[in-house]
Amino acid sequence: MSARELAAQCTRIGAAVLPAVVVGSALVGCAWIVQSADAATALATLVSRVPRAIGPLVAGILVAARMGALLAGELGELRRGQQLDWLRAAGLSPLRQLVLPRLLAAVLVMPVATLVADASLLAGASLLAVQRGAAALAFAQLAPAEVWIGLAKAALFGATLAGVACAIGLGLRTSVNDIPRLASRGAVAAMLAVAALDLLLVASRLS
C-alpha cells in the first residue's frame, strides 16, 4: 500500500462524509439549545461535554452511516465481480490490498470529522444561544486534554466502523446478489458498532 493510495482513500472518504457531519452536527447543537430552558447553562454544559463525549459519538454515528454503506457496497461489488479471486490468483492478499487502505483512511479521517463535528456543534449551539440571550461562545474555553481524548476515541471509532463495514462487504455469511441491501446492512452494523464501543468505553470509565 502506497502513501498515494492512502491519500486517495482519505480524500474520497472525507469528501463523502464531511458534508453530512457539518450539517448533522450543527442540527444536534441547535437541538441541544432548543430543548433547554436556560440557553447560557445549556451552552456551558455543551462546551464541557462536546470534545470528549458528544462530538466523537455524533461524528462516529454520522460517519458510520455514510462510510458503512460505502465500504460494504464497494467491497460487495468487488466480490461479485470476482476481483477478490483475481487478487488471490495473483498471490496478493485482499485484506492488504483492499481492506487495509480503507481501514487506515477511516482511522485518519475520523479525528478530522470529529473536529469538524465539534466546531459545527458548538457553532450551531452558540448562534442559537446568542439569539436567546446567552453570551457568545469562546472556543478558548475548550480543554485541550479533553480534545485529545476525543480525537483518540474518534480514531478507535474509525477503525471499528471500517472493520465492521469491510467484513460485511467481504461477505461474512452474506449474499452479494443485492448490493443496496448489503450497503444498508453495512451502515447499520457500523453505527451499532460505534454505539456499542462508546458504551463500553463509558462503562469502563475510559471515556
N, C-alpha and C. Protein backbone atom coordinates (compact mmCIF):
# COMPACT_ATOMS: atom_id res chain seq x y z
N MET A 1 0.84 -1.20 0.00
CA MET A 1 0.00 0.00 0.00
C MET A 1 0.88 1.24 0.00
N SER A 2 0.65 2.14 -0.97
CA SER A 2 1.46 3.34 -1.09
C SER A 2 0.79 4.51 -0.36
N ALA A 3 1.61 5.52 -0.07
CA ALA A 3 1.07 6.73 0.56
C ALA A 3 0.08 7.43 -0.37
N ARG A 4 0.32 7.31 -1.66
CA ARG A 4 -0.58 7.93 -2.63
C ARG A 4 -1.96 7.27 -2.59
N GLU A 5 -1.97 5.96 -2.48
CA GLU A 5 -3.24 5.24 -2.41
C GLU A 5 -3.98 5.59 -1.13
N LEU A 6 -3.25 5.68 -0.01
CA LEU A 6 -3.87 6.04 1.26
C LEU A 6 -4.45 7.45 1.20
N ALA A 7 -3.71 8.37 0.60
CA ALA A 7 -4.20 9.75 0.47
C ALA A 7 -5.46 9.79 -0.39
N ALA A 8 -5.49 8.98 -1.45
CA ALA A 8 -6.67 8.94 -2.31
C ALA A 8 -7.89 8.42 -1.55
N GLN A 9 -7.69 7.40 -0.71
CA GLN A 9 -8.79 6.86 0.08
C GLN A 9 -9.27 7.90 1.10
N CYS A 10 -8.34 8.60 1.73
CA CYS A 10 -8.72 9.63 2.71
C CYS A 10 -9.53 10.74 2.05
N THR A 11 -9.08 11.16 0.87
CA THR A 11 -9.78 12.22 0.15
C THR A 11 -11.18 11.77 -0.26
N ARG A 12 -11.27 10.56 -0.77
CA ARG A 12 -12.56 10.03 -1.22
C ARG A 12 -13.53 9.88 -0.06
N ILE A 13 -13.07 9.30 1.03
CA ILE A 13 -13.93 9.09 2.19
C ILE A 13 -14.29 10.41 2.85
N GLY A 14 -13.31 11.30 2.97
CA GLY A 14 -13.58 12.60 3.57
C GLY A 14 -14.62 13.39 2.80
N ALA A 15 -14.51 13.38 1.47
CA ALA A 15 -15.49 14.09 0.64
C ALA A 15 -16.88 13.50 0.80
N ALA A 16 -16.95 12.20 1.07
CA ALA A 16 -18.25 11.54 1.20
C ALA A 16 -18.91 11.82 2.54
N VAL A 17 -18.12 11.98 3.60
CA VAL A 17 -18.71 12.04 4.94
C VAL A 17 -18.77 13.44 5.55
N LEU A 18 -17.84 14.33 5.20
CA LEU A 18 -17.76 15.61 5.91
C LEU A 18 -18.99 16.51 5.73
N PRO A 19 -19.59 16.58 4.53
CA PRO A 19 -20.80 17.42 4.44
C PRO A 19 -21.90 17.00 5.41
N ALA A 20 -22.13 15.69 5.52
CA ALA A 20 -23.15 15.21 6.45
C ALA A 20 -22.77 15.51 7.89
N VAL A 21 -21.49 15.44 8.21
CA VAL A 21 -21.03 15.74 9.57
C VAL A 21 -21.28 17.20 9.92
N VAL A 22 -21.00 18.09 8.99
CA VAL A 22 -21.20 19.52 9.23
C VAL A 22 -22.68 19.81 9.52
N VAL A 23 -23.55 19.36 8.63
CA VAL A 23 -24.97 19.66 8.76
C VAL A 23 -25.58 18.95 9.98
N GLY A 24 -25.31 17.65 10.10
CA GLY A 24 -25.88 16.88 11.20
C GLY A 24 -25.44 17.38 12.55
N SER A 25 -24.17 17.72 12.70
CA SER A 25 -23.66 18.20 13.99
C SER A 25 -24.25 19.56 14.36
N ALA A 26 -24.36 20.44 13.37
CA ALA A 26 -24.96 21.75 13.64
C ALA A 26 -26.41 21.60 14.11
N LEU A 27 -27.13 20.68 13.51
CA LEU A 27 -28.52 20.45 13.93
C LEU A 27 -28.59 19.90 15.35
N VAL A 28 -27.65 19.02 15.70
CA VAL A 28 -27.62 18.49 17.06
C VAL A 28 -27.34 19.62 18.06
N GLY A 29 -26.41 20.51 17.71
CA GLY A 29 -26.12 21.64 18.59
C GLY A 29 -27.33 22.54 18.78
N CYS A 30 -28.05 22.81 17.70
CA CYS A 30 -29.25 23.64 17.80
C CYS A 30 -30.32 22.95 18.66
N ALA A 31 -30.48 21.64 18.45
CA ALA A 31 -31.48 20.90 19.23
C ALA A 31 -31.14 20.92 20.72
N TRP A 32 -29.85 20.90 21.04
CA TRP A 32 -29.43 20.95 22.44
C TRP A 32 -29.91 22.24 23.11
N ILE A 33 -29.81 23.34 22.39
CA ILE A 33 -30.23 24.63 22.95
C ILE A 33 -31.75 24.74 22.99
N VAL A 34 -32.41 24.29 21.93
CA VAL A 34 -33.86 24.41 21.84
C VAL A 34 -34.55 23.68 22.98
N GLN A 35 -34.05 22.52 23.35
CA GLN A 35 -34.73 21.74 24.39
C GLN A 35 -34.34 22.16 25.81
N SER A 36 -33.54 23.22 25.94
CA SER A 36 -33.09 23.69 27.25
C SER A 36 -33.80 24.98 27.63
N ALA A 37 -34.15 25.09 28.89
CA ALA A 37 -34.83 26.30 29.36
C ALA A 37 -33.86 27.47 29.49
N ASP A 38 -32.62 27.19 29.88
CA ASP A 38 -31.61 28.24 30.08
C ASP A 38 -30.53 28.06 29.03
N ALA A 39 -30.49 28.93 28.03
CA ALA A 39 -29.56 28.79 26.92
C ALA A 39 -28.11 28.90 27.37
N ALA A 40 -27.83 29.81 28.31
CA ALA A 40 -26.45 30.01 28.77
C ALA A 40 -25.92 28.77 29.48
N THR A 41 -26.74 28.19 30.36
CA THR A 41 -26.33 26.99 31.07
C THR A 41 -26.17 25.82 30.11
N ALA A 42 -27.09 25.70 29.16
CA ALA A 42 -27.02 24.61 28.19
C ALA A 42 -25.77 24.72 27.35
N LEU A 43 -25.40 25.94 26.96
CA LEU A 43 -24.19 26.13 26.15
C LEU A 43 -22.94 25.78 26.95
N ALA A 44 -22.90 26.20 28.22
CA ALA A 44 -21.75 25.89 29.07
C ALA A 44 -21.61 24.38 29.26
N THR A 45 -22.73 23.70 29.45
CA THR A 45 -22.70 22.24 29.60
C THR A 45 -22.22 21.57 28.32
N LEU A 46 -22.68 22.08 27.19
CA LEU A 46 -22.28 21.51 25.90
C LEU A 46 -20.78 21.66 25.69
N VAL A 47 -20.25 22.82 26.04
CA VAL A 47 -18.81 23.06 25.88
C VAL A 47 -18.00 22.05 26.67
N SER A 48 -18.47 21.70 27.85
CA SER A 48 -17.73 20.76 28.70
C SER A 48 -17.83 19.32 28.21
N ARG A 49 -18.87 19.01 27.44
CA ARG A 49 -19.10 17.62 27.05
C ARG A 49 -18.76 17.31 25.59
N VAL A 50 -18.72 18.33 24.76
CA VAL A 50 -18.53 18.08 23.33
C VAL A 50 -17.20 17.41 22.99
N PRO A 51 -16.04 17.93 23.43
CA PRO A 51 -14.78 17.39 22.92
C PRO A 51 -14.56 15.91 23.25
N ARG A 52 -14.96 15.51 24.44
CA ARG A 52 -14.65 14.15 24.89
C ARG A 52 -15.77 13.16 24.63
N ALA A 53 -17.01 13.61 24.70
CA ALA A 53 -18.14 12.67 24.66
C ALA A 53 -19.04 12.87 23.46
N ILE A 54 -19.66 14.04 23.35
CA ILE A 54 -20.71 14.25 22.35
C ILE A 54 -20.14 14.31 20.94
N GLY A 55 -19.09 15.10 20.75
CA GLY A 55 -18.52 15.27 19.41
C GLY A 55 -18.08 13.97 18.76
N PRO A 56 -17.25 13.16 19.43
CA PRO A 56 -16.82 11.90 18.81
C PRO A 56 -17.98 10.95 18.51
N LEU A 57 -18.98 10.91 19.40
CA LEU A 57 -20.10 10.00 19.18
C LEU A 57 -20.96 10.46 18.01
N VAL A 58 -21.27 11.76 17.95
CA VAL A 58 -22.07 12.27 16.84
C VAL A 58 -21.33 12.06 15.52
N ALA A 59 -20.04 12.39 15.50
CA ALA A 59 -19.26 12.18 14.28
C ALA A 59 -19.21 10.70 13.92
N GLY A 60 -19.02 9.84 14.93
CA GLY A 60 -18.94 8.41 14.67
C GLY A 60 -20.22 7.86 14.06
N ILE A 61 -21.36 8.27 14.58
CA ILE A 61 -22.65 7.79 14.05
C ILE A 61 -22.86 8.29 12.63
N LEU A 62 -22.60 9.58 12.40
CA LEU A 62 -22.81 10.15 11.07
C LEU A 62 -21.85 9.55 10.04
N VAL A 63 -20.59 9.38 10.43
CA VAL A 63 -19.63 8.80 9.51
C VAL A 63 -19.95 7.32 9.26
N ALA A 64 -20.35 6.62 10.31
CA ALA A 64 -20.67 5.20 10.15
C ALA A 64 -21.83 5.00 9.18
N ALA A 65 -22.82 5.89 9.25
CA ALA A 65 -23.97 5.77 8.35
C ALA A 65 -23.54 5.87 6.90
N ARG A 66 -22.65 6.80 6.61
CA ARG A 66 -22.21 7.01 5.22
C ARG A 66 -21.11 6.04 4.82
N MET A 67 -20.09 5.92 5.67
CA MET A 67 -18.96 5.09 5.32
C MET A 67 -19.29 3.61 5.37
N GLY A 68 -20.15 3.22 6.31
CA GLY A 68 -20.53 1.81 6.40
C GLY A 68 -21.18 1.34 5.11
N ALA A 69 -22.10 2.17 4.58
CA ALA A 69 -22.75 1.82 3.31
C ALA A 69 -21.75 1.84 2.16
N LEU A 70 -20.88 2.84 2.15
CA LEU A 70 -19.92 2.99 1.07
C LEU A 70 -18.96 1.81 0.99
N LEU A 71 -18.37 1.46 2.13
CA LEU A 71 -17.37 0.39 2.13
C LEU A 71 -18.00 -0.98 1.90
N ALA A 72 -19.11 -1.25 2.56
CA ALA A 72 -19.76 -2.54 2.38
C ALA A 72 -20.21 -2.73 0.94
N GLY A 73 -20.83 -1.71 0.37
CA GLY A 73 -21.28 -1.81 -1.01
C GLY A 73 -20.13 -1.94 -1.99
N GLU A 74 -19.09 -1.18 -1.75
CA GLU A 74 -17.93 -1.21 -2.65
C GLU A 74 -17.24 -2.57 -2.65
N LEU A 75 -17.00 -3.11 -1.47
CA LEU A 75 -16.35 -4.42 -1.40
C LEU A 75 -17.28 -5.53 -1.88
N GLY A 76 -18.58 -5.35 -1.66
CA GLY A 76 -19.53 -6.32 -2.20
C GLY A 76 -19.50 -6.36 -3.71
N GLU A 77 -19.40 -5.19 -4.34
CA GLU A 77 -19.28 -5.13 -5.79
C GLU A 77 -18.00 -5.80 -6.28
N LEU A 78 -16.91 -5.58 -5.57
CA LEU A 78 -15.65 -6.21 -5.95
C LEU A 78 -15.73 -7.73 -5.80
N ARG A 79 -16.39 -8.17 -4.76
CA ARG A 79 -16.53 -9.62 -4.57
C ARG A 79 -17.42 -10.22 -5.65
N ARG A 80 -18.49 -9.51 -6.00
CA ARG A 80 -19.36 -10.01 -7.05
C ARG A 80 -18.65 -10.03 -8.40
N GLY A 81 -17.77 -9.06 -8.62
CA GLY A 81 -17.02 -9.00 -9.87
C GLY A 81 -15.81 -9.91 -9.90
N GLN A 82 -15.61 -10.69 -8.83
CA GLN A 82 -14.54 -11.70 -8.74
C GLN A 82 -13.14 -11.08 -8.68
N GLN A 83 -13.07 -9.78 -8.33
CA GLN A 83 -11.74 -9.18 -8.17
C GLN A 83 -10.97 -9.81 -7.02
N LEU A 84 -11.69 -10.27 -5.99
CA LEU A 84 -11.01 -10.92 -4.87
C LEU A 84 -10.32 -12.19 -5.34
N ASP A 85 -11.00 -12.95 -6.19
CA ASP A 85 -10.40 -14.17 -6.71
C ASP A 85 -9.18 -13.86 -7.57
N TRP A 86 -9.26 -12.78 -8.34
CA TRP A 86 -8.12 -12.40 -9.17
C TRP A 86 -6.91 -12.01 -8.31
N LEU A 87 -7.18 -11.29 -7.21
CA LEU A 87 -6.07 -10.92 -6.33
C LEU A 87 -5.42 -12.16 -5.72
N ARG A 88 -6.25 -13.09 -5.27
CA ARG A 88 -5.69 -14.31 -4.69
C ARG A 88 -4.91 -15.10 -5.73
N ALA A 89 -5.41 -15.14 -6.96
CA ALA A 89 -4.72 -15.86 -8.03
C ALA A 89 -3.38 -15.22 -8.35
N ALA A 90 -3.28 -13.91 -8.15
CA ALA A 90 -2.02 -13.20 -8.39
C ALA A 90 -1.09 -13.25 -7.18
N GLY A 91 -1.51 -13.95 -6.13
CA GLY A 91 -0.69 -14.07 -4.94
C GLY A 91 -0.76 -12.87 -4.02
N LEU A 92 -1.80 -12.07 -4.17
CA LEU A 92 -1.97 -10.87 -3.35
C LEU A 92 -3.07 -11.08 -2.33
N SER A 93 -2.95 -10.42 -1.20
CA SER A 93 -3.94 -10.55 -0.13
C SER A 93 -5.02 -9.48 -0.29
N PRO A 94 -6.29 -9.89 -0.41
CA PRO A 94 -7.38 -8.90 -0.45
C PRO A 94 -7.42 -8.01 0.79
N LEU A 95 -7.06 -8.60 1.94
CA LEU A 95 -7.07 -7.79 3.16
C LEU A 95 -6.04 -6.67 3.08
N ARG A 96 -4.88 -6.98 2.57
CA ARG A 96 -3.81 -5.98 2.47
C ARG A 96 -4.10 -4.96 1.36
N GLN A 97 -4.61 -5.44 0.25
CA GLN A 97 -4.81 -4.57 -0.90
C GLN A 97 -6.09 -3.75 -0.82
N LEU A 98 -7.13 -4.29 -0.22
CA LEU A 98 -8.44 -3.63 -0.23
C LEU A 98 -8.87 -3.11 1.14
N VAL A 99 -8.68 -3.93 2.17
CA VAL A 99 -9.20 -3.56 3.49
C VAL A 99 -8.26 -2.59 4.21
N LEU A 100 -6.97 -2.87 4.21
CA LEU A 100 -6.03 -2.05 4.98
C LEU A 100 -6.05 -0.58 4.58
N PRO A 101 -6.03 -0.24 3.28
CA PRO A 101 -6.09 1.19 2.94
C PRO A 101 -7.35 1.87 3.44
N ARG A 102 -8.47 1.17 3.37
CA ARG A 102 -9.73 1.75 3.82
C ARG A 102 -9.76 1.87 5.34
N LEU A 103 -9.19 0.91 6.03
CA LEU A 103 -9.15 0.94 7.48
C LEU A 103 -8.29 2.10 7.98
N LEU A 104 -7.10 2.24 7.40
CA LEU A 104 -6.22 3.33 7.81
C LEU A 104 -6.81 4.69 7.44
N ALA A 105 -7.48 4.76 6.29
CA ALA A 105 -8.11 6.02 5.90
C ALA A 105 -9.20 6.40 6.90
N ALA A 106 -9.97 5.43 7.36
CA ALA A 106 -11.01 5.71 8.35
C ALA A 106 -10.40 6.19 9.66
N VAL A 107 -9.29 5.58 10.07
CA VAL A 107 -8.61 6.00 11.30
C VAL A 107 -8.12 7.44 11.19
N LEU A 108 -7.67 7.84 10.00
CA LEU A 108 -7.18 9.20 9.81
C LEU A 108 -8.30 10.21 9.61
N VAL A 109 -9.36 9.80 8.93
CA VAL A 109 -10.45 10.73 8.63
C VAL A 109 -11.31 11.00 9.86
N MET A 110 -11.51 10.01 10.72
CA MET A 110 -12.41 10.17 11.86
C MET A 110 -12.01 11.30 12.81
N PRO A 111 -10.72 11.46 13.18
CA PRO A 111 -10.38 12.61 14.02
C PRO A 111 -10.68 13.95 13.35
N VAL A 112 -10.45 14.03 12.04
CA VAL A 112 -10.79 15.27 11.31
C VAL A 112 -12.30 15.49 11.35
N ALA A 113 -13.07 14.42 11.11
CA ALA A 113 -14.53 14.53 11.17
C ALA A 113 -14.99 14.94 12.56
N THR A 114 -14.30 14.47 13.58
CA THR A 114 -14.67 14.83 14.96
C THR A 114 -14.39 16.29 15.24
N LEU A 115 -13.27 16.81 14.77
CA LEU A 115 -13.01 18.24 14.93
C LEU A 115 -14.06 19.07 14.21
N VAL A 116 -14.44 18.63 13.02
CA VAL A 116 -15.50 19.33 12.27
C VAL A 116 -16.82 19.25 13.03
N ALA A 117 -17.11 18.08 13.59
CA ALA A 117 -18.35 17.92 14.37
C ALA A 117 -18.34 18.81 15.60
N ASP A 118 -17.21 18.85 16.31
CA ASP A 118 -17.09 19.72 17.49
C ASP A 118 -17.39 21.17 17.12
N ALA A 119 -16.73 21.64 16.05
CA ALA A 119 -16.91 23.03 15.64
C ALA A 119 -18.34 23.31 15.20
N SER A 120 -18.93 22.39 14.45
CA SER A 120 -20.29 22.59 13.95
C SER A 120 -21.30 22.54 15.09
N LEU A 121 -21.12 21.60 16.01
CA LEU A 121 -21.99 21.52 17.18
C LEU A 121 -21.99 22.82 17.97
N LEU A 122 -20.78 23.28 18.27
CA LEU A 122 -20.66 24.46 19.11
C LEU A 122 -21.08 25.73 18.37
N ALA A 123 -20.79 25.79 17.08
CA ALA A 123 -21.20 26.97 16.31
C ALA A 123 -22.72 27.05 16.21
N GLY A 124 -23.35 25.93 15.88
CA GLY A 124 -24.81 25.92 15.80
C GLY A 124 -25.45 26.25 17.13
N ALA A 125 -24.94 25.65 18.21
CA ALA A 125 -25.48 25.92 19.53
C ALA A 125 -25.25 27.35 19.96
N SER A 126 -24.06 27.88 19.68
CA SER A 126 -23.72 29.25 20.09
C SER A 126 -24.57 30.27 19.36
N LEU A 127 -24.76 30.08 18.05
CA LEU A 127 -25.57 31.04 17.29
C LEU A 127 -27.00 31.09 17.82
N LEU A 128 -27.55 29.93 18.12
CA LEU A 128 -28.92 29.90 18.63
C LEU A 128 -28.99 30.42 20.06
N ALA A 129 -27.98 30.10 20.86
CA ALA A 129 -27.97 30.56 22.25
C ALA A 129 -27.86 32.09 22.33
N VAL A 130 -27.07 32.68 21.44
CA VAL A 130 -26.93 34.15 21.42
C VAL A 130 -28.27 34.80 21.10
N GLN A 131 -29.00 34.19 20.19
CA GLN A 131 -30.32 34.73 19.86
C GLN A 131 -31.29 34.64 21.04
N ARG A 132 -30.99 33.74 21.96
CA ARG A 132 -31.84 33.58 23.14
C ARG A 132 -31.26 34.26 24.38
N GLY A 133 -30.27 35.14 24.16
CA GLY A 133 -29.77 35.98 25.24
C GLY A 133 -28.49 35.53 25.92
N ALA A 134 -27.90 34.42 25.49
CA ALA A 134 -26.67 33.95 26.12
C ALA A 134 -25.46 34.66 25.52
N ALA A 135 -24.34 34.62 26.25
CA ALA A 135 -23.10 35.20 25.74
C ALA A 135 -22.52 34.29 24.66
N ALA A 136 -21.80 34.89 23.73
CA ALA A 136 -21.19 34.12 22.64
C ALA A 136 -20.14 33.17 23.19
N LEU A 137 -20.01 32.04 22.52
CA LEU A 137 -19.05 31.02 22.95
C LEU A 137 -17.64 31.43 22.56
N ALA A 138 -16.70 31.26 23.49
CA ALA A 138 -15.28 31.43 23.20
C ALA A 138 -14.65 30.05 23.11
N PHE A 139 -14.13 29.71 21.93
CA PHE A 139 -13.58 28.37 21.75
C PHE A 139 -12.36 28.11 22.63
N ALA A 140 -11.78 29.20 23.19
CA ALA A 140 -10.66 29.03 24.11
C ALA A 140 -11.08 28.34 25.40
N GLN A 141 -12.40 28.26 25.64
CA GLN A 141 -12.89 27.58 26.84
C GLN A 141 -12.69 26.07 26.77
N LEU A 142 -12.45 25.54 25.60
CA LEU A 142 -12.29 24.09 25.46
C LEU A 142 -10.98 23.64 26.09
N ALA A 143 -11.03 22.53 26.82
CA ALA A 143 -9.84 21.99 27.47
C ALA A 143 -9.05 21.14 26.46
N PRO A 144 -7.78 21.47 26.20
CA PRO A 144 -7.01 20.71 25.22
C PRO A 144 -6.94 19.22 25.52
N ALA A 145 -6.82 18.85 26.80
CA ALA A 145 -6.75 17.43 27.15
C ALA A 145 -8.03 16.71 26.74
N GLU A 146 -9.17 17.35 26.91
CA GLU A 146 -10.44 16.75 26.52
C GLU A 146 -10.52 16.56 25.00
N VAL A 147 -9.99 17.53 24.28
CA VAL A 147 -9.98 17.43 22.81
C VAL A 147 -9.14 16.24 22.36
N TRP A 148 -7.97 16.07 22.96
CA TRP A 148 -7.09 14.96 22.56
C TRP A 148 -7.72 13.62 22.88
N ILE A 149 -8.39 13.52 24.02
CA ILE A 149 -9.07 12.26 24.36
C ILE A 149 -10.16 11.97 23.33
N GLY A 150 -10.89 13.01 22.95
CA GLY A 150 -11.93 12.83 21.95
C GLY A 150 -11.36 12.38 20.61
N LEU A 151 -10.21 12.90 20.22
CA LEU A 151 -9.61 12.50 18.96
C LEU A 151 -9.12 11.05 19.01
N ALA A 152 -8.61 10.64 20.16
CA ALA A 152 -8.19 9.24 20.32
C ALA A 152 -9.40 8.31 20.20
N LYS A 153 -10.51 8.69 20.82
CA LYS A 153 -11.74 7.91 20.69
C LYS A 153 -12.18 7.85 19.23
N ALA A 154 -12.07 8.97 18.54
CA ALA A 154 -12.50 9.03 17.15
C ALA A 154 -11.70 8.07 16.27
N ALA A 155 -10.39 8.00 16.49
CA ALA A 155 -9.57 7.08 15.71
C ALA A 155 -10.00 5.63 15.97
N LEU A 156 -10.32 5.32 17.22
CA LEU A 156 -10.78 3.98 17.57
C LEU A 156 -12.13 3.70 16.91
N PHE A 157 -13.01 4.69 16.92
CA PHE A 157 -14.30 4.53 16.23
C PHE A 157 -14.08 4.27 14.74
N GLY A 158 -13.13 5.00 14.15
CA GLY A 158 -12.86 4.83 12.72
C GLY A 158 -12.42 3.43 12.38
N ALA A 159 -11.50 2.88 13.18
CA ALA A 159 -11.04 1.52 12.93
C ALA A 159 -12.18 0.52 13.09
N THR A 160 -13.03 0.76 14.09
CA THR A 160 -14.13 -0.17 14.36
C THR A 160 -15.17 -0.16 13.25
N LEU A 161 -15.63 1.02 12.87
CA LEU A 161 -16.69 1.09 11.87
C LEU A 161 -16.20 0.62 10.50
N ALA A 162 -14.95 0.93 10.16
CA ALA A 162 -14.42 0.47 8.88
C ALA A 162 -14.22 -1.04 8.87
N GLY A 163 -13.75 -1.58 9.98
CA GLY A 163 -13.56 -3.02 10.06
C GLY A 163 -14.87 -3.78 9.94
N VAL A 164 -15.91 -3.29 10.60
CA VAL A 164 -17.21 -3.95 10.53
C VAL A 164 -17.79 -3.85 9.12
N ALA A 165 -17.72 -2.65 8.52
CA ALA A 165 -18.27 -2.46 7.17
C ALA A 165 -17.53 -3.31 6.15
N CYS A 166 -16.21 -3.39 6.27
CA CYS A 166 -15.44 -4.21 5.33
C CYS A 166 -15.76 -5.69 5.50
N ALA A 167 -15.95 -6.12 6.74
CA ALA A 167 -16.31 -7.52 6.98
C ALA A 167 -17.66 -7.85 6.33
N ILE A 168 -18.62 -6.93 6.44
CA ILE A 168 -19.91 -7.14 5.79
C ILE A 168 -19.73 -7.20 4.27
N GLY A 169 -18.94 -6.28 3.74
CA GLY A 169 -18.74 -6.23 2.30
C GLY A 169 -18.02 -7.43 1.74
N LEU A 170 -17.09 -7.97 2.51
CA LEU A 170 -16.34 -9.13 2.03
C LEU A 170 -17.16 -10.42 2.12
N GLY A 171 -18.32 -10.32 2.75
CA GLY A 171 -19.25 -11.44 2.65
C GLY A 171 -19.19 -12.45 3.76
N LEU A 172 -19.03 -12.01 4.99
CA LEU A 172 -19.11 -12.95 6.10
C LEU A 172 -20.57 -13.36 6.28
N ARG A 173 -20.93 -14.50 5.69
CA ARG A 173 -22.30 -15.04 5.75
C ARG A 173 -23.33 -14.09 5.12
N THR A 174 -22.93 -13.40 4.08
CA THR A 174 -23.85 -12.52 3.37
C THR A 174 -23.86 -12.87 1.89
N SER A 175 -24.88 -12.37 1.22
CA SER A 175 -25.00 -12.56 -0.21
C SER A 175 -24.73 -11.25 -0.92
N VAL A 176 -24.14 -11.31 -2.11
CA VAL A 176 -23.87 -10.10 -2.88
C VAL A 176 -24.87 -9.93 -4.00
N ASN A 177 -25.95 -10.68 -3.99
CA ASN A 177 -26.96 -10.55 -5.03
C ASN A 177 -27.69 -9.21 -4.96
N ASP A 178 -27.78 -8.63 -3.79
CA ASP A 178 -28.47 -7.37 -3.60
C ASP A 178 -27.51 -6.39 -2.93
N ILE A 179 -26.78 -5.62 -3.74
CA ILE A 179 -25.77 -4.71 -3.22
C ILE A 179 -26.38 -3.60 -2.36
N PRO A 180 -27.51 -2.98 -2.74
CA PRO A 180 -28.11 -1.97 -1.85
C PRO A 180 -28.43 -2.50 -0.46
N ARG A 181 -28.93 -3.73 -0.39
CA ARG A 181 -29.22 -4.31 0.92
C ARG A 181 -27.93 -4.56 1.70
N LEU A 182 -26.89 -4.97 0.98
CA LEU A 182 -25.59 -5.19 1.62
C LEU A 182 -25.05 -3.86 2.17
N ALA A 183 -25.19 -2.79 1.39
CA ALA A 183 -24.73 -1.47 1.83
C ALA A 183 -25.52 -1.01 3.05
N SER A 184 -26.82 -1.23 3.03
CA SER A 184 -27.65 -0.85 4.18
C SER A 184 -27.24 -1.63 5.42
N ARG A 185 -26.95 -2.91 5.24
CA ARG A 185 -26.51 -3.73 6.36
C ARG A 185 -25.18 -3.23 6.92
N GLY A 186 -24.30 -2.81 6.02
CA GLY A 186 -23.01 -2.28 6.46
C GLY A 186 -23.17 -1.00 7.26
N ALA A 187 -24.08 -0.12 6.82
CA ALA A 187 -24.31 1.14 7.54
C ALA A 187 -24.86 0.89 8.93
N VAL A 188 -25.87 0.03 9.01
CA VAL A 188 -26.48 -0.26 10.31
C VAL A 188 -25.48 -0.92 11.25
N ALA A 189 -24.74 -1.90 10.74
CA ALA A 189 -23.76 -2.60 11.58
C ALA A 189 -22.67 -1.66 12.06
N ALA A 190 -22.22 -0.75 11.19
CA ALA A 190 -21.17 0.20 11.58
C ALA A 190 -21.67 1.15 12.66
N MET A 191 -22.91 1.64 12.52
CA MET A 191 -23.46 2.54 13.54
C MET A 191 -23.63 1.84 14.88
N LEU A 192 -24.13 0.61 14.85
CA LEU A 192 -24.28 -0.14 16.09
C LEU A 192 -22.93 -0.43 16.74
N ALA A 193 -21.92 -0.70 15.92
CA ALA A 193 -20.59 -0.96 16.47
C ALA A 193 -20.03 0.26 17.17
N VAL A 194 -20.23 1.44 16.58
CA VAL A 194 -19.76 2.68 17.21
C VAL A 194 -20.49 2.93 18.52
N ALA A 195 -21.82 2.77 18.51
CA ALA A 195 -22.60 2.98 19.73
C ALA A 195 -22.20 2.00 20.82
N ALA A 196 -21.98 0.73 20.45
CA ALA A 196 -21.59 -0.28 21.44
C ALA A 196 -20.21 0.01 22.01
N LEU A 197 -19.29 0.43 21.15
CA LEU A 197 -17.94 0.74 21.62
C LEU A 197 -17.97 1.95 22.55
N ASP A 198 -18.76 2.95 22.22
CA ASP A 198 -18.87 4.12 23.09
C ASP A 198 -19.42 3.73 24.46
N LEU A 199 -20.44 2.88 24.45
CA LEU A 199 -21.00 2.39 25.71
C LEU A 199 -19.95 1.63 26.52
N LEU A 200 -19.16 0.81 25.85
CA LEU A 200 -18.11 0.06 26.53
C LEU A 200 -17.08 0.99 27.14
N LEU A 201 -16.69 2.04 26.41
CA LEU A 201 -15.70 2.99 26.93
C LEU A 201 -16.25 3.75 28.13
N VAL A 202 -17.52 4.13 28.05
CA VAL A 202 -18.14 4.85 29.18
C VAL A 202 -18.24 3.93 30.40
N ALA A 203 -18.67 2.68 30.17
CA ALA A 203 -18.82 1.73 31.28
C ALA A 203 -17.48 1.43 31.93
N SER A 204 -16.42 1.42 31.13
CA SER A 204 -15.09 1.11 31.68
C SER A 204 -14.38 2.36 32.20
N ARG A 205 -15.07 3.51 32.10
CA ARG A 205 -14.55 4.80 32.58
C ARG A 205 -13.31 5.23 31.83
N LEU A 206 -13.17 4.75 30.57
CA LEU A 206 -12.08 5.24 29.72
C LEU A 206 -12.54 6.44 28.92
N SER A 207 -13.83 6.76 29.01
CA SER A 207 -14.39 7.91 28.27
C SER A 207 -15.13 8.82 29.24
